[in-house]
Amino acid sequence: MAAALAQVEAAEAGYLSQGEALQATKEELLRMKRLVEALLVLAREGRVTPVPLDLAALAREEARAFGVLPGARNPPLRGDPLLLAQALRNLLRNALLHGEGKGVEVRLATQGDTLLLEVKDEGPGMPEEALKAAGRPFF
């Protein structure tokens, strides 16, 4: 919140235009929103009760919210729909943000006993060092 407040104060002092301050404040508020969402997900860890869910329907719903049309089948699965939806939203947000506007695809498939949910974009990919750290919380 301090960063958002600093942007507003910089505009009030004349160091930034109102437009610049508004954009910077919006970006900071979105960052804080993602952080709070991640903290809520972590708070639920260990207290999740898996329930039967339709992952294909969840993927379609989340993808549509981002304007992406998924091709998804419906294998049986048990899990936490809120945590899976949050993870899928994060993947879609990143794909749209870094995919260079070349389209995003959501796929759901089975490979033997493994269920695969894939969000694919045509962006440049992550640098090797970032890829190694991507599985850590708050990366």
C-alpha atoms as a PDB file:
ATOM      1  CA  MET A   1       0.000   0.000   0.000  1.00  0.00           C
ATOM      2  CA  ALA A   2       2.951   2.284   0.628  1.00  0.00           C
ATOM      3  CA  ALA A   3       3.921   2.154  -3.065  1.00  0.00           C
ATOM      4  CA  ALA A   4       0.387   3.056  -4.181  1.00  0.00           C
ATOM      5  CA  LEU A   5       0.273   5.912  -1.682  1.00  0.00           C
ATOM      6  CA  ALA A   6       3.677   7.144  -2.877  1.00  0.00           C
ATOM      7  CA  GLN A   7       2.365   7.360  -6.446  1.00  0.00           C
ATOM      8  CA  VAL A   8      -0.585   9.489  -5.343  1.00  0.00           C
ATOM      9  CA  GLU A   9       1.667  11.725  -3.239  1.00  0.00           C
ATOM     10  CA  ALA A  10       4.093  12.116  -6.170  1.00  0.00           C
ATOM     11  CA  ALA A  11       1.208  13.324  -8.349  1.00  0.00           C
ATOM     12  CA  GLU A  12       0.029  15.713  -5.633  1.00  0.00           C
ATOM     13  CA  ALA A  13       3.554  17.125  -5.392  1.00  0.00           C
ATOM     14  CA  GLY A  14       3.750  17.534  -9.171  1.00  0.00           C
ATOM     15  CA  TYR A  15       6.435  14.896  -9.751  1.00  0.00           C
ATOM     16  CA  LEU A  16       4.064  12.719 -11.813  1.00  0.00           C
ATOM     17  CA  SER A  17       1.105  13.562 -13.983  1.00  0.00           C
ATOM     18  CA  GLN A  18      -2.256  12.318 -12.740  1.00  0.00           C
ATOM     19  CA  GLY A  19      -2.333   9.833 -15.612  1.00  0.00           C
ATOM     20  CA  GLU A  20       1.089   8.436 -14.715  1.00  0.00           C
ATOM     21  CA  ALA A  21       0.141   8.215 -11.051  1.00  0.00           C
ATOM     22  CA  LEU A  22      -3.176   6.554 -11.865  1.00  0.00           C
ATOM     23  CA  GLN A  23      -1.480   3.922 -14.040  1.00  0.00           C
ATOM     24  CA  ALA A  24       1.262   3.246 -11.477  1.00  0.00           C
ATOM     25  CA  THR A  25      -1.297   3.035  -8.658  1.00  0.00           C
ATOM     26  CA  LYS A  26      -3.457   0.652 -10.669  1.00  0.00           C
ATOM     27  CA  GLU A  27      -0.458  -1.600 -11.333  1.00  0.00           C
ATOM     28  CA  GLU A  28       0.454  -1.588  -7.646  1.00  0.00           C
ATOM     29  CA  LEU A  29      -3.124  -2.387  -6.610  1.00  0.00           C
ATOM     30  CA  LEU A  30      -3.230  -5.300  -9.077  1.00  0.00           C
ATOM     31  CA  ARG A  31       0.067  -6.569  -7.662  1.00  0.00           C
ATOM     32  CA  MET A  32      -1.352  -6.353  -4.134  1.00  0.00           C
ATOM     33  CA  LYS A  33      -4.531  -8.149  -5.263  1.00  0.00           C
ATOM     34  CA  ARG A  34      -2.465 -11.031  -6.675  1.00  0.00           C
ATOM     35  CA  LEU A  35      -0.429 -11.164  -3.463  1.00  0.00           C
ATOM     36  CA  VAL A  36      -3.550 -11.329  -1.298  1.00  0.00           C
ATOM     37  CA  GLU A  37      -4.992 -14.057  -3.538  1.00  0.00           C
ATOM     38  CA  ALA A  38      -1.753 -16.029  -3.191  1.00  0.00           C
ATOM     39  CA  LEU A  39      -1.773 -15.598   0.594  1.00  0.00           C
ATOM     40  CA  LEU A  40      -5.349 -16.860   0.734  1.00  0.00           C
ATOM     41  CA  VAL A  41      -4.380 -19.883  -1.333  1.00  0.00           C
ATOM     42  CA  LEU A  42      -1.466 -20.604   1.022  1.00  0.00           C
ATOM     43  CA  ALA A  43      -3.742 -20.202   4.043  1.00  0.00           C
ATOM     44  CA  ARG A  44      -5.973 -22.943   2.610  1.00  0.00           C
ATOM     45  CA  GLU A  45      -3.057 -25.342   2.059  1.00  0.00           C
ATOM     46  CA  GLY A  46      -3.413 -28.431   4.160  1.00  0.00           C
ATOM     47  CA  ARG A  47      -7.065 -27.671   4.865  1.00  0.00           C
ATOM     48  CA  VAL A  48      -8.342 -28.607   1.434  1.00  0.00           C
ATOM     49  CA  THR A  49     -11.022 -31.256   1.124  1.00  0.00           C
ATOM     50  CA  PRO A  50     -10.951 -32.616  -2.418  1.00  0.00           C
ATOM     51  CA  VAL A  51     -14.393 -32.918  -3.976  1.00  0.00           C
ATOM     52  CA  PRO A  52     -15.497 -34.394  -7.299  1.00  0.00           C
ATOM     53  CA  LEU A  53     -15.236 -31.699  -9.927  1.00  0.00           C
ATOM     54  CA  ASP A  54     -15.596 -31.200 -13.634  1.00  0.00           C
ATOM     55  CA  LEU A  55     -12.185 -29.865 -14.656  1.00  0.00           C
ATOM     56  CA  ALA A  56     -13.316 -29.367 -18.256  1.00  0.00           C
ATOM     57  CA  ALA A  57     -16.159 -27.102 -17.082  1.00  0.00           C
ATOM     58  CA  LEU A  58     -13.814 -25.239 -14.739  1.00  0.00           C
ATOM     59  CA  ALA A  59     -11.294 -24.768 -17.580  1.00  0.00           C
ATOM     60  CA  ARG A  60     -14.028 -23.542 -19.946  1.00  0.00           C
ATOM     61  CA  GLU A  61     -15.365 -21.066 -17.360  1.00  0.00           C
ATOM     62  CA  GLU A  62     -11.957 -19.612 -16.488  1.00  0.00           C
ATOM     63  CA  ALA A  63     -10.817 -19.516 -20.130  1.00  0.00           C
ATOM     64  CA  ARG A  64     -13.988 -17.693 -21.241  1.00  0.00           C
ATOM     65  CA  ALA A  65     -13.352 -15.048 -18.577  1.00  0.00           C
ATOM     66  CA  PHE A  66     -10.088 -14.343 -20.409  1.00  0.00           C
ATOM     67  CA  GLY A  67     -11.623 -14.556 -23.882  1.00  0.00           C
ATOM     68  CA  VAL A  68      -9.994 -17.928 -24.628  1.00  0.00           C
ATOM     69  CA  LEU A  69     -11.976 -20.849 -26.044  1.00  0.00           C
ATOM     70  CA  PRO A  70     -10.685 -24.155 -24.639  1.00  0.00           C
ATOM     71  CA  GLY A  71     -10.970 -27.578 -26.166  1.00  0.00           C
ATOM     72  CA  ALA A  72     -11.486 -29.767 -23.104  1.00  0.00           C
ATOM     73  CA  ARG A  73     -12.709 -33.264 -22.328  1.00  0.00           C
ATOM     74  CA  ASN A  74     -14.093 -34.404 -19.004  1.00  0.00           C
ATOM     75  CA  PRO A  75     -12.141 -37.155 -17.216  1.00  0.00           C
ATOM     76  CA  PRO A  76     -13.066 -37.809 -13.550  1.00  0.00           C
ATOM     77  CA  LEU A  77     -11.083 -35.866 -10.968  1.00  0.00           C
ATOM     78  CA  ARG A  78     -11.147 -34.919  -7.309  1.00  0.00           C
ATOM     79  CA  GLY A  79      -9.612 -31.644  -6.151  1.00  0.00           C
ATOM     80  CA  ASP A  80     -10.259 -28.178  -4.831  1.00  0.00           C
ATOM     81  CA  PRO A  81     -12.062 -26.141  -7.509  1.00  0.00           C
ATOM     82  CA  LEU A  82     -11.094 -22.799  -5.926  1.00  0.00           C
ATOM     83  CA  LEU A  83      -7.379 -23.619  -5.902  1.00  0.00           C
ATOM     84  CA  LEU A  84      -7.484 -25.047  -9.425  1.00  0.00           C
ATOM     85  CA  ALA A  85      -9.407 -22.001 -10.687  1.00  0.00           C
ATOM     86  CA  GLN A  86      -6.834 -19.676  -9.088  1.00  0.00           C
ATOM     87  CA  ALA A  87      -3.959 -21.592 -10.678  1.00  0.00           C
ATOM     88  CA  LEU A  88      -5.672 -21.535 -14.075  1.00  0.00           C
ATOM     89  CA  ARG A  89      -6.390 -17.788 -13.789  1.00  0.00           C
ATOM     90  CA  ASN A  90      -2.701 -17.196 -13.063  1.00  0.00           C
ATOM     91  CA  LEU A  91      -1.663 -19.237 -16.102  1.00  0.00           C
ATOM     92  CA  LEU A  92      -4.164 -17.461 -18.358  1.00  0.00           C
ATOM     93  CA  ARG A  93      -3.190 -14.017 -17.046  1.00  0.00           C
ATOM     94  CA  ASN A  94       0.490 -14.752 -17.723  1.00  0.00           C
ATOM     95  CA  ALA A  95      -0.210 -16.240 -21.164  1.00  0.00           C
ATOM     96  CA  LEU A  96      -2.204 -13.190 -22.218  1.00  0.00           C
ATOM     97  CA  LEU A  97       0.299 -10.770 -20.702  1.00  0.00           C
ATOM     98  CA  HIS A  98       3.426 -12.379 -22.158  1.00  0.00           C
ATOM     99  CA  GLY A  99       2.043 -14.195 -25.223  1.00  0.00           C
ATOM    100  CA  GLU A 100       2.681 -11.254 -27.543  1.00  0.00           C
ATOM    101  CA  GLY A 101      -0.951 -11.182 -28.676  1.00  0.00           C
ATOM    102  CA  LYS A 102      -0.537 -14.309 -30.771  1.00  0.00           C
ATOM    103  CA  GLY A 103      -3.331 -16.283 -29.127  1.00  0.00           C
ATOM    104  CA  VAL A 104      -3.781 -18.543 -26.141  1.00  0.00           C
ATOM    105  CA  GLU A 105      -4.951 -22.149 -26.147  1.00  0.00           C
ATOM    106  CA  VAL A 106      -6.299 -24.231 -23.235  1.00  0.00           C
ATOM    107  CA  ARG A 107      -6.190 -28.022 -23.533  1.00  0.00           C
ATOM    108  CA  LEU A 108      -7.233 -30.842 -21.244  1.00  0.00           C
ATOM    109  CA  ALA A 109      -6.040 -34.370 -22.003  1.00  0.00           C
ATOM    110  CA  THR A 110      -5.100 -37.652 -20.391  1.00  0.00           C
ATOM    111  CA  GLN A 111      -1.747 -39.357 -20.760  1.00  0.00           C
ATOM    112  CA  GLY A 112      -2.075 -42.785 -19.174  1.00  0.00           C
ATOM    113  CA  ASP A 113      -3.090 -42.182 -15.550  1.00  0.00           C
ATOM    114  CA  THR A 114      -2.089 -38.507 -15.723  1.00  0.00           C
ATOM    115  CA  LEU A 115      -4.483 -35.647 -16.390  1.00  0.00           C
ATOM    116  CA  LEU A 116      -2.852 -32.770 -18.267  1.00  0.00           C
ATOM    117  CA  LEU A 117      -4.222 -29.219 -18.245  1.00  0.00           C
ATOM    118  CA  GLU A 118      -2.194 -27.052 -20.604  1.00  0.00           C
ATOM    119  CA  VAL A 119      -2.246 -23.309 -21.236  1.00  0.00           C
ATOM    120  CA  LYS A 120      -0.200 -22.540 -24.333  1.00  0.00           C
ATOM    121  CA  ASP A 121       0.787 -19.209 -25.835  1.00  0.00           C
ATOM    122  CA  GLU A 122       3.174 -18.155 -28.590  1.00  0.00           C
ATOM    123  CA  GLY A 123       5.304 -15.860 -26.444  1.00  0.00           C
ATOM    124  CA  PRO A 124       9.081 -16.078 -26.040  1.00  0.00           C
ATOM    125  CA  GLY A 125       8.941 -18.350 -22.979  1.00  0.00           C
ATOM    126  CA  MET A 126      10.596 -17.860 -19.634  1.00  0.00           C
ATOM    127  CA  PRO A 127      14.355 -17.371 -19.209  1.00  0.00           C
ATOM    128  CA  GLU A 128      16.068 -20.513 -17.864  1.00  0.00           C
ATOM    129  CA  GLU A 129      16.718 -19.013 -14.395  1.00  0.00           C
ATOM    130  CA  ALA A 130      13.108 -17.850 -14.046  1.00  0.00           C
ATOM    131  CA  LEU A 131      11.853 -21.268 -15.134  1.00  0.00           C
ATOM    132  CA  LYS A 132      13.803 -22.923 -12.307  1.00  0.00           C
ATOM    133  CA  ALA A 133      12.168 -20.612  -9.741  1.00  0.00           C
ATOM    134  CA  ALA A 134       8.648 -20.642 -11.200  1.00  0.00           C
ATOM    135  CA  GLY A 135       7.338 -23.335  -8.842  1.00  0.00           C
ATOM    136  CA  ARG A 136       8.142 -21.356  -5.698  1.00  0.00           C
ATOM    137  CA  PRO A 137       5.350 -19.483  -3.909  1.00  0.00           C
ATOM    138  CA  PHE A 138       5.249 -15.741  -4.695  1.00  0.00           C
ATOM    139  CA  PHE A 139       7.581 -16.100  -7.685  1.00  0.00           C
END
